[in-house]
Amino acid sequence: MAARNGLHEATPLWYYILKEAQQRGQGERLGPVGATLLASEVPGTFTMADLLRFVGDISPIDGVATV
């Protein structure tokens, strides 16, 4: 599946975060890297979580429900 979608040539960060969650938490929770990147809001900072909230779409995969 990864090669079919070109991920073997240019792998986005979200893929690593999802793969880490799959390997370390059976897909039920984020791993240490994903949790660090998507940590809680801190005034005066702009994180990946803030970007996802701004865009209004946490799903990088078509057909998966978004918030």
PDB file of N, CA and C in Angstrom:
ATOM      1  N   MET A   1       0.812  -1.186   0.000  1.00  0.00           N
ATOM      2  CA  MET A   1       0.000   0.000   0.000  1.00  0.00           C
ATOM      3  C   MET A   1       0.865   1.263   0.000  1.00  0.00           C
ATOM      4  N   ALA A   2       1.942   1.279   0.775  1.00  0.00           N
ATOM      5  CA  ALA A   2       2.784   2.476   0.854  1.00  0.00           C
ATOM      6  C   ALA A   2       3.382   2.804  -0.517  1.00  0.00           C
ATOM      7  N   ALA A   3       3.904   1.806  -1.204  1.00  0.00           N
ATOM      8  CA  ALA A   3       4.508   2.038  -2.520  1.00  0.00           C
ATOM      9  C   ALA A   3       3.454   2.484  -3.535  1.00  0.00           C
ATOM     10  N   ARG A   4       2.284   1.905  -3.464  1.00  0.00           N
ATOM     11  CA  ARG A   4       1.208   2.264  -4.382  1.00  0.00           C
ATOM     12  C   ARG A   4       0.851   3.750  -4.270  1.00  0.00           C
ATOM     13  N   ASN A   5       1.008   4.315  -3.082  1.00  0.00           N
ATOM     14  CA  ASN A   5       0.696   5.718  -2.853  1.00  0.00           C
ATOM     15  C   ASN A   5       1.927   6.620  -2.890  1.00  0.00           C
ATOM     16  N   GLY A   6       3.068   6.082  -3.328  1.00  0.00           N
ATOM     17  CA  GLY A   6       4.274   6.884  -3.465  1.00  0.00           C
ATOM     18  C   GLY A   6       5.004   7.167  -2.165  1.00  0.00           C
ATOM     19  N   LEU A   7       4.623   6.502  -1.088  1.00  0.00           N
ATOM     20  CA  LEU A   7       5.239   6.777   0.206  1.00  0.00           C
ATOM     21  C   LEU A   7       6.661   6.234   0.316  1.00  0.00           C
ATOM     22  N   HIS A   8       7.059   5.358  -0.583  1.00  0.00           N
ATOM     23  CA  HIS A   8       8.425   4.854  -0.557  1.00  0.00           C
ATOM     24  C   HIS A   8       9.420   5.874  -1.113  1.00  0.00           C
ATOM     25  N   GLU A   9       8.910   6.910  -1.766  1.00  0.00           N
ATOM     26  CA  GLU A   9       9.774   7.948  -2.332  1.00  0.00           C
ATOM     27  C   GLU A   9       9.745   9.241  -1.523  1.00  0.00           C
ATOM     28  N   ALA A  10       8.611   9.583  -0.982  1.00  0.00           N
ATOM     29  CA  ALA A  10       8.460  10.811  -0.195  1.00  0.00           C
ATOM     30  C   ALA A  10       7.427  10.539   0.894  1.00  0.00           C
ATOM     31  N   THR A  11       7.907  10.230   2.082  1.00  0.00           N
ATOM     32  CA  THR A  11       7.013   9.847   3.162  1.00  0.00           C
ATOM     33  C   THR A  11       6.686  11.045   4.042  1.00  0.00           C
ATOM     34  N   PRO A  12       5.402  11.418   4.144  1.00  0.00           N
ATOM     35  CA  PRO A  12       5.015  12.558   4.985  1.00  0.00           C
ATOM     36  C   PRO A  12       5.080  12.211   6.473  1.00  0.00           C
ATOM     37  N   LEU A  13       5.234  13.221   7.287  1.00  0.00           N
ATOM     38  CA  LEU A  13       5.339  13.033   8.726  1.00  0.00           C
ATOM     39  C   LEU A  13       4.139  12.299   9.305  1.00  0.00           C
ATOM     40  N   TRP A  14       2.943  12.595   8.810  1.00  0.00           N
ATOM     41  CA  TRP A  14       1.751  11.948   9.375  1.00  0.00           C
ATOM     42  C   TRP A  14       1.812  10.432   9.245  1.00  0.00           C
ATOM     43  N   TYR A  15       2.469   9.923   8.192  1.00  0.00           N
ATOM     44  CA  TYR A  15       2.576   8.474   8.020  1.00  0.00           C
ATOM     45  C   TYR A  15       3.411   7.866   9.148  1.00  0.00           C
ATOM     46  N   TYR A  16       4.532   8.512   9.478  1.00  0.00           N
ATOM     47  CA  TYR A  16       5.370   8.029  10.570  1.00  0.00           C
ATOM     48  C   TYR A  16       4.616   8.055  11.894  1.00  0.00           C
ATOM     49  N   ILE A  17       3.842   9.107  12.117  1.00  0.00           N
ATOM     50  CA  ILE A  17       3.075   9.222  13.360  1.00  0.00           C
ATOM     51  C   ILE A  17       2.048   8.098  13.462  1.00  0.00           C
ATOM     52  N   LEU A  18       1.343   7.829  12.348  1.00  0.00           N
ATOM     53  CA  LEU A  18       0.352   6.750  12.358  1.00  0.00           C
ATOM     54  C   LEU A  18       1.009   5.382  12.504  1.00  0.00           C
ATOM     55  N   LYS A  19       2.152   5.185  11.841  1.00  0.00           N
ATOM     56  CA  LYS A  19       2.864   3.906  11.934  1.00  0.00           C
ATOM     57  C   LYS A  19       3.375   3.669  13.348  1.00  0.00           C
ATOM     58  N   GLU A  20       3.894   4.728  13.968  1.00  0.00           N
ATOM     59  CA  GLU A  20       4.349   4.619  15.350  1.00  0.00           C
ATOM     60  C   GLU A  20       3.183   4.233  16.262  1.00  0.00           C
ATOM     61  N   ALA A  21       2.035   4.852  16.062  1.00  0.00           N
ATOM     62  CA  ALA A  21       0.857   4.536  16.869  1.00  0.00           C
ATOM     63  C   ALA A  21       0.437   3.084  16.657  1.00  0.00           C
ATOM     64  N   GLN A  22       0.532   2.618  15.439  1.00  0.00           N
ATOM     65  CA  GLN A  22       0.170   1.229  15.136  1.00  0.00           C
ATOM     66  C   GLN A  22       1.125   0.257  15.830  1.00  0.00           C
ATOM     67  N   GLN A  23       2.410   0.530  15.775  1.00  0.00           N
ATOM     68  CA  GLN A  23       3.418  -0.373  16.324  1.00  0.00           C
ATOM     69  C   GLN A  23       3.495  -0.336  17.854  1.00  0.00           C
ATOM     70  N   ARG A  24       3.369   0.849  18.435  1.00  0.00           N
ATOM     71  CA  ARG A  24       3.563   0.983  19.880  1.00  0.00           C
ATOM     72  C   ARG A  24       2.266   0.928  20.674  1.00  0.00           C
ATOM     73  N   GLY A  25       1.159   1.316  20.064  1.00  0.00           N
ATOM     74  CA  GLY A  25      -0.093   1.359  20.819  1.00  0.00           C
ATOM     75  C   GLY A  25      -1.217   0.607  20.151  1.00  0.00           C
ATOM     76  N   GLN A  26      -0.897  -0.310  19.245  1.00  0.00           N
ATOM     77  CA  GLN A  26      -1.899  -1.083  18.501  1.00  0.00           C
ATOM     78  C   GLN A  26      -2.927  -0.176  17.837  1.00  0.00           C
ATOM     79  N   GLY A  27      -2.510   1.049  17.485  1.00  0.00           N
ATOM     80  CA  GLY A  27      -3.394   1.986  16.804  1.00  0.00           C
ATOM     81  C   GLY A  27      -4.388   2.672  17.711  1.00  0.00           C
ATOM     82  N   GLU A  28      -4.322   2.389  19.002  1.00  0.00           N
ATOM     83  CA  GLU A  28      -5.272   2.949  19.961  1.00  0.00           C
ATOM     84  C   GLU A  28      -4.814   4.293  20.527  1.00  0.00           C
ATOM     85  N   ARG A  29      -3.500   4.547  20.487  1.00  0.00           N
ATOM     86  CA  ARG A  29      -2.967   5.798  21.039  1.00  0.00           C
ATOM     87  C   ARG A  29      -1.681   6.159  20.313  1.00  0.00           C
ATOM     88  N   LEU A  30      -1.322   7.422  20.410  1.00  0.00           N
ATOM     89  CA  LEU A  30      -0.102   7.889  19.780  1.00  0.00           C
ATOM     90  C   LEU A  30       1.127   7.355  20.510  1.00  0.00           C
ATOM     91  N   GLY A  31       2.224   7.245  19.761  1.00  0.00           N
ATOM     92  CA  GLY A  31       3.501   6.898  20.365  1.00  0.00           C
ATOM     93  C   GLY A  31       4.159   8.160  20.908  1.00  0.00           C
ATOM     94  N   PRO A  32       5.396   8.055  21.388  1.00  0.00           N
ATOM     95  CA  PRO A  32       6.053   9.203  21.998  1.00  0.00           C
ATOM     96  C   PRO A  32       6.277  10.379  21.047  1.00  0.00           C
ATOM     97  N   VAL A  33       6.624  10.117  19.806  1.00  0.00           N
ATOM     98  CA  VAL A  33       6.853  11.217  18.862  1.00  0.00           C
ATOM     99  C   VAL A  33       5.536  11.901  18.517  1.00  0.00           C
ATOM    100  N   GLY A  34       4.524  11.122  18.172  1.00  0.00           N
ATOM    101  CA  GLY A  34       3.225  11.699  17.832  1.00  0.00           C
ATOM    102  C   GLY A  34       2.620  12.465  18.990  1.00  0.00           C
ATOM    103  N   ALA A  35       2.738  11.922  20.194  1.00  0.00           N
ATOM    104  CA  ALA A  35       2.191  12.596  21.365  1.00  0.00           C
ATOM    105  C   ALA A  35       2.909  13.913  21.626  1.00  0.00           C
ATOM    106  N   THR A  36       4.216  13.934  21.419  1.00  0.00           N
ATOM    107  CA  THR A  36       4.972  15.165  21.616  1.00  0.00           C
ATOM    108  C   THR A  36       4.561  16.222  20.608  1.00  0.00           C
ATOM    109  N   LEU A  37       4.414  15.828  19.353  1.00  0.00           N
ATOM    110  CA  LEU A  37       4.031  16.777  18.310  1.00  0.00           C
ATOM    111  C   LEU A  37       2.610  17.298  18.483  1.00  0.00           C
ATOM    112  N   LEU A  38       1.728  16.464  18.970  1.00  0.00           N
ATOM    113  CA  LEU A  38       0.326  16.837  19.089  1.00  0.00           C
ATOM    114  C   LEU A  38      -0.080  17.117  20.530  1.00  0.00           C
ATOM    115  N   ALA A  39       0.852  17.610  21.309  1.00  0.00           N
ATOM    116  CA  ALA A  39       0.600  17.900  22.720  1.00  0.00           C
ATOM    117  C   ALA A  39      -0.414  19.022  22.870  1.00  0.00           C
ATOM    118  N   SER A  40      -0.800  19.268  24.104  1.00  0.00           N
ATOM    119  CA  SER A  40      -1.842  20.266  24.395  1.00  0.00           C
ATOM    120  C   SER A  40      -1.411  21.674  24.018  1.00  0.00           C
ATOM    121  N   GLU A  41      -2.418  22.537  23.919  1.00  0.00           N
ATOM    122  CA  GLU A  41      -2.201  23.927  23.537  1.00  0.00           C
ATOM    123  C   GLU A  41      -1.369  24.673  24.576  1.00  0.00           C
ATOM    124  N   VAL A  42      -0.481  25.516  24.107  1.00  0.00           N
ATOM    125  CA  VAL A  42       0.320  26.379  24.968  1.00  0.00           C
ATOM    126  C   VAL A  42       0.237  27.790  24.399  1.00  0.00           C
ATOM    127  N   PRO A  43      -0.252  28.748  25.178  1.00  0.00           N
ATOM    128  CA  PRO A  43      -0.341  30.124  24.672  1.00  0.00           C
ATOM    129  C   PRO A  43       1.013  30.616  24.157  1.00  0.00           C
ATOM    130  N   GLY A  44       0.976  31.274  23.010  1.00  0.00           N
ATOM    131  CA  GLY A  44       2.190  31.825  22.429  1.00  0.00           C
ATOM    132  C   GLY A  44       2.954  30.869  21.534  1.00  0.00           C
ATOM    133  N   THR A  45       2.414  29.664  21.330  1.00  0.00           N
ATOM    134  CA  THR A  45       3.060  28.701  20.436  1.00  0.00           C
ATOM    135  C   THR A  45       2.081  28.298  19.341  1.00  0.00           C
ATOM    136  N   PHE A  46       2.604  27.735  18.277  1.00  0.00           N
ATOM    137  CA  PHE A  46       1.766  27.215  17.196  1.00  0.00           C
ATOM    138  C   PHE A  46       2.288  25.832  16.850  1.00  0.00           C
ATOM    139  N   THR A  47       1.504  24.817  17.170  1.00  0.00           N
ATOM    140  CA  THR A  47       1.929  23.434  17.001  1.00  0.00           C
ATOM    141  C   THR A  47       1.192  22.765  15.843  1.00  0.00           C
ATOM    142  N   MET A  48       1.557  21.525  15.576  1.00  0.00           N
ATOM    143  CA  MET A  48       0.868  20.729  14.566  1.00  0.00           C
ATOM    144  C   MET A  48      -0.611  20.593  14.927  1.00  0.00           C
ATOM    145  N   ALA A  49      -0.908  20.418  16.200  1.00  0.00           N
ATOM    146  CA  ALA A  49      -2.304  20.316  16.627  1.00  0.00           C
ATOM    147  C   ALA A  49      -3.067  21.599  16.304  1.00  0.00           C
ATOM    148  N   ASP A  50      -2.416  22.744  16.514  1.00  0.00           N
ATOM    149  CA  ASP A  50      -3.047  24.023  16.175  1.00  0.00           C
ATOM    150  C   ASP A  50      -3.312  24.111  14.679  1.00  0.00           C
ATOM    151  N   LEU A  51      -2.362  23.648  13.882  1.00  0.00           N
ATOM    152  CA  LEU A  51      -2.528  23.661  12.427  1.00  0.00           C
ATOM    153  C   LEU A  51      -3.704  22.788  12.015  1.00  0.00           C
ATOM    154  N   LEU A  52      -3.809  21.611  12.601  1.00  0.00           N
ATOM    155  CA  LEU A  52      -4.908  20.707  12.263  1.00  0.00           C
ATOM    156  C   LEU A  52      -6.256  21.288  12.674  1.00  0.00           C
ATOM    157  N   ARG A  53      -6.298  21.938  13.833  1.00  0.00           N
ATOM    158  CA  ARG A  53      -7.541  22.593  14.242  1.00  0.00           C
ATOM    159  C   ARG A  53      -7.894  23.731  13.298  1.00  0.00           C
ATOM    160  N   PHE A  54      -6.891  24.502  12.865  1.00  0.00           N
ATOM    161  CA  PHE A  54      -7.107  25.611  11.947  1.00  0.00           C
ATOM    162  C   PHE A  54      -7.667  25.114  10.620  1.00  0.00           C
ATOM    163  N   VAL A  55      -7.088  24.037  10.103  1.00  0.00           N
ATOM    164  CA  VAL A  55      -7.538  23.473   8.829  1.00  0.00           C
ATOM    165  C   VAL A  55      -8.892  22.805   8.986  1.00  0.00           C
ATOM    166  N   GLY A  56      -9.157  22.254  10.175  1.00  0.00           N
ATOM    167  CA  GLY A  56     -10.431  21.589  10.430  1.00  0.00           C
ATOM    168  C   GLY A  56     -10.498  20.187   9.883  1.00  0.00           C
ATOM    169  N   ASP A  57      -9.348  19.573   9.648  1.00  0.00           N
ATOM    170  CA  ASP A  57      -9.300  18.234   9.060  1.00  0.00           C
ATOM    171  C   ASP A  57      -8.122  17.485   9.658  1.00  0.00           C
ATOM    172  N   ILE A  58      -8.402  16.477  10.476  1.00  0.00           N
ATOM    173  CA  ILE A  58      -7.301  15.731  11.065  1.00  0.00           C
ATOM    174  C   ILE A  58      -6.998  14.454  10.282  1.00  0.00           C
ATOM    175  N   SER A  59      -7.695  14.220   9.194  1.00  0.00           N
ATOM    176  CA  SER A  59      -7.500  12.989   8.438  1.00  0.00           C
ATOM    177  C   SER A  59      -6.719  13.233   7.153  1.00  0.00           C
ATOM    178  N   PRO A  60      -5.506  12.675   7.065  1.00  0.00           N
ATOM    179  CA  PRO A  60      -4.751  12.804   5.825  1.00  0.00           C
ATOM    180  C   PRO A  60      -5.143  11.782   4.777  1.00  0.00           C
ATOM    181  N   ILE A  61      -6.094  10.889   5.123  1.00  0.00           N
ATOM    182  CA  ILE A  61      -6.473   9.799   4.231  1.00  0.00           C
ATOM    183  C   ILE A  61      -7.915  10.019   3.763  1.00  0.00           C
ATOM    184  N   ASP A  62      -8.139   9.994   2.455  1.00  0.00           N
ATOM    185  CA  ASP A  62      -9.489  10.154   1.918  1.00  0.00           C
ATOM    186  C   ASP A  62     -10.416   9.073   2.464  1.00  0.00           C
ATOM    187  N   GLY A  63     -11.641   9.463   2.758  1.00  0.00           N
ATOM    188  CA  GLY A  63     -12.639   8.516   3.199  1.00  0.00           C
ATOM    189  C   GLY A  63     -12.664   8.269   4.697  1.00  0.00           C
ATOM    190  N   VAL A  64     -11.744   8.883   5.443  1.00  0.00           N
ATOM    191  CA  VAL A  64     -11.722   8.703   6.883  1.00  0.00           C
ATOM    192  C   VAL A  64     -12.397   9.912   7.515  1.00  0.00           C
ATOM    193  N   ALA A  65     -13.242   9.671   8.494  1.00  0.00           N
ATOM    194  CA  ALA A  65     -14.000  10.754   9.123  1.00  0.00           C
ATOM    195  C   ALA A  65     -13.076  11.826   9.690  1.00  0.00           C
ATOM    196  N   THR A  66     -13.518  13.058   9.604  1.00  0.00           N
ATOM    197  CA  THR A  66     -12.754  14.182  10.132  1.00  0.00           C
ATOM    198  C   THR A  66     -13.555  14.870  11.226  1.00  0.00           C
ATOM    199  N   VAL A  67     -12.889  15.769  11.948  1.00  0.00           N
ATOM    200  CA  VAL A  67     -13.581  16.501  13.016  1.00  0.00           C
ATOM    201  C   VAL A  67     -13.967  17.865  12.524  1.00  0.00           C
TER     202      VAL A  67
END
